[in-house]
Amino acid sequence: MTYFCSTQLLAPDFAVCLRLLLLSPALEECVFRAGLQEWMMRQRPSARSGPVLMSAAAFGLLHLGSGWQHALAVLAPGLALALLYQRSRSWTWCALAHSAMNAFAISVCGL
């Protein structure tokens, strides 16, 4: 399990928790769901899977800075968040779910 855990997740301090639980979820969901995915959904309203897959892939690419393993590990959660946005059209629900996923990652990696 520690293969996917960065050093920040293994021993998070207050600043890391603030970033992972509040700042990153809000900013990333604004950019990837309310920004990129929403724009793609408006360009081609009949396209259902394209915007979902593209926003999930872009989300994964953003996490390449933490290593390819981490980027691969966030693809499935990114896909879940993209599907949630497609259904709800609410980036705030996505940010809350994203924050919960990050909290789960912190709890698992900290064990």
Protein backbone atom coordinates (compact mmCIF):
# COMPACT_ATOMS: atom_id res chain seq x y z
CA MET A 1 0.00 0.00 0.00
CA THR A 2 2.82 2.42 0.76
CA TYR A 3 3.80 2.10 -2.91
CA PHE A 4 1.06 4.64 -3.70
CA CYS A 5 1.63 6.77 -0.61
CA SER A 6 3.77 9.86 -0.97
CA THR A 7 5.84 11.10 1.97
CA GLN A 8 3.24 13.84 2.47
CA LEU A 9 0.51 11.25 2.94
CA LEU A 10 2.63 9.17 5.29
CA ALA A 11 3.23 12.02 7.73
CA PRO A 12 0.93 14.95 6.90
CA ASP A 13 1.38 18.18 8.80
CA PHE A 14 -1.28 20.89 9.16
CA ALA A 15 -0.32 22.62 5.89
CA VAL A 16 -0.50 19.36 3.93
CA CYS A 17 -3.90 18.55 5.44
CA LEU A 18 -5.16 22.03 4.61
CA ARG A 19 -3.98 21.66 1.02
CA LEU A 20 -5.27 18.10 0.54
CA LEU A 21 -8.60 18.51 2.32
CA LEU A 22 -9.63 22.04 1.33
CA LEU A 23 -7.55 23.83 -1.27
CA SER A 24 -6.76 21.11 -3.81
CA PRO A 25 -10.28 19.66 -3.97
CA ALA A 26 -11.85 23.08 -4.49
CA LEU A 27 -9.33 24.28 -7.07
CA GLU A 28 -9.03 21.02 -8.98
CA GLU A 29 -12.78 20.51 -9.21
CA CYS A 30 -13.26 24.09 -10.41
CA VAL A 31 -10.66 23.54 -13.13
CA PHE A 32 -11.41 19.98 -14.22
CA ARG A 33 -15.14 19.61 -13.67
CA ALA A 34 -16.66 23.12 -13.72
CA GLY A 35 -14.07 24.24 -16.26
CA LEU A 36 -12.83 21.60 -18.69
CA GLN A 37 -15.62 19.04 -18.42
CA GLU A 38 -18.40 21.64 -18.44
CA TRP A 39 -16.87 23.33 -21.50
CA MET A 40 -16.63 20.00 -23.33
CA MET A 41 -20.18 19.07 -22.36
CA ARG A 42 -21.47 22.35 -23.80
CA GLN A 43 -19.49 21.95 -27.02
CA ARG A 44 -21.05 18.58 -27.78
CA PRO A 45 -24.21 18.07 -25.71
CA SER A 46 -24.81 14.62 -27.20
CA ALA A 47 -21.34 13.37 -26.23
CA ARG A 48 -21.55 11.52 -22.93
CA SER A 49 -18.29 9.64 -22.46
CA GLY A 50 -15.81 12.02 -24.11
CA PRO A 51 -15.97 14.83 -21.54
CA VAL A 52 -15.92 12.33 -18.67
CA LEU A 53 -12.88 10.46 -20.01
CA MET A 54 -11.00 13.62 -20.96
CA SER A 55 -11.45 15.32 -17.60
CA ALA A 56 -10.44 12.12 -15.77
CA ALA A 57 -7.34 11.79 -17.98
CA ALA A 58 -6.39 15.44 -17.47
CA PHE A 59 -6.87 14.98 -13.73
CA GLY A 60 -4.51 12.00 -13.82
CA LEU A 61 -1.93 13.95 -15.82
CA LEU A 62 -1.98 16.73 -13.24
CA HIS A 63 -0.84 14.21 -10.63
CA LEU A 64 2.17 13.04 -12.66
CA GLY A 65 4.31 15.38 -10.56
CA SER A 66 3.90 12.90 -7.71
CA GLY A 67 5.00 10.00 -9.91
CA TRP A 68 3.37 7.80 -12.52
CA GLN A 69 2.09 5.41 -9.85
CA HIS A 70 0.18 8.22 -8.20
CA ALA A 71 -1.15 9.45 -11.55
CA LEU A 72 -2.47 5.95 -12.29
CA ALA A 73 -3.91 5.64 -8.79
CA VAL A 74 -6.03 8.79 -9.22
CA LEU A 75 -7.51 7.77 -12.58
CA ALA A 76 -10.37 5.75 -11.08
CA PRO A 77 -11.27 8.42 -8.48
CA GLY A 78 -11.01 11.03 -11.26
CA LEU A 79 -13.43 9.01 -13.35
CA ALA A 80 -15.83 8.73 -10.39
CA LEU A 81 -15.66 12.50 -9.85
CA ALA A 82 -16.26 13.14 -13.56
CA LEU A 83 -19.32 10.86 -13.51
CA LEU A 84 -20.58 12.63 -10.39
CA TYR A 85 -20.22 15.97 -12.15
CA GLN A 86 -21.97 14.69 -15.27
CA ARG A 87 -24.91 13.59 -13.14
CA SER A 88 -25.11 16.50 -10.68
CA ARG A 89 -23.49 19.39 -12.60
CA SER A 90 -22.26 20.59 -9.20
CA TRP A 91 -18.53 21.08 -8.68
CA THR A 92 -19.17 21.56 -4.95
CA TRP A 93 -20.41 17.96 -4.59
CA CYS A 94 -17.32 16.86 -6.50
CA ALA A 95 -15.08 18.92 -4.20
CA LEU A 96 -16.69 17.36 -1.12
CA ALA A 97 -16.23 13.86 -2.55
CA HIS A 98 -12.65 14.72 -3.55
CA SER A 99 -11.91 15.91 -0.02
CA ALA A 100 -13.38 12.70 1.40
CA MET A 101 -11.21 10.63 -0.93
CA ASN A 102 -8.12 12.56 0.15
CA ALA A 103 -9.05 12.07 3.81
CA PHE A 104 -9.37 8.35 3.16
CA ALA A 105 -5.93 8.31 1.47
CA ILE A 106 -4.40 10.11 4.45
CA SER A 107 -5.98 7.65 6.89
CA VAL A 108 -4.88 4.58 4.91
CA CYS A 109 -1.35 5.81 4.28
CA GLY A 110 -0.92 6.93 7.86
CA LEU A 111 -1.62 3.44 9.24
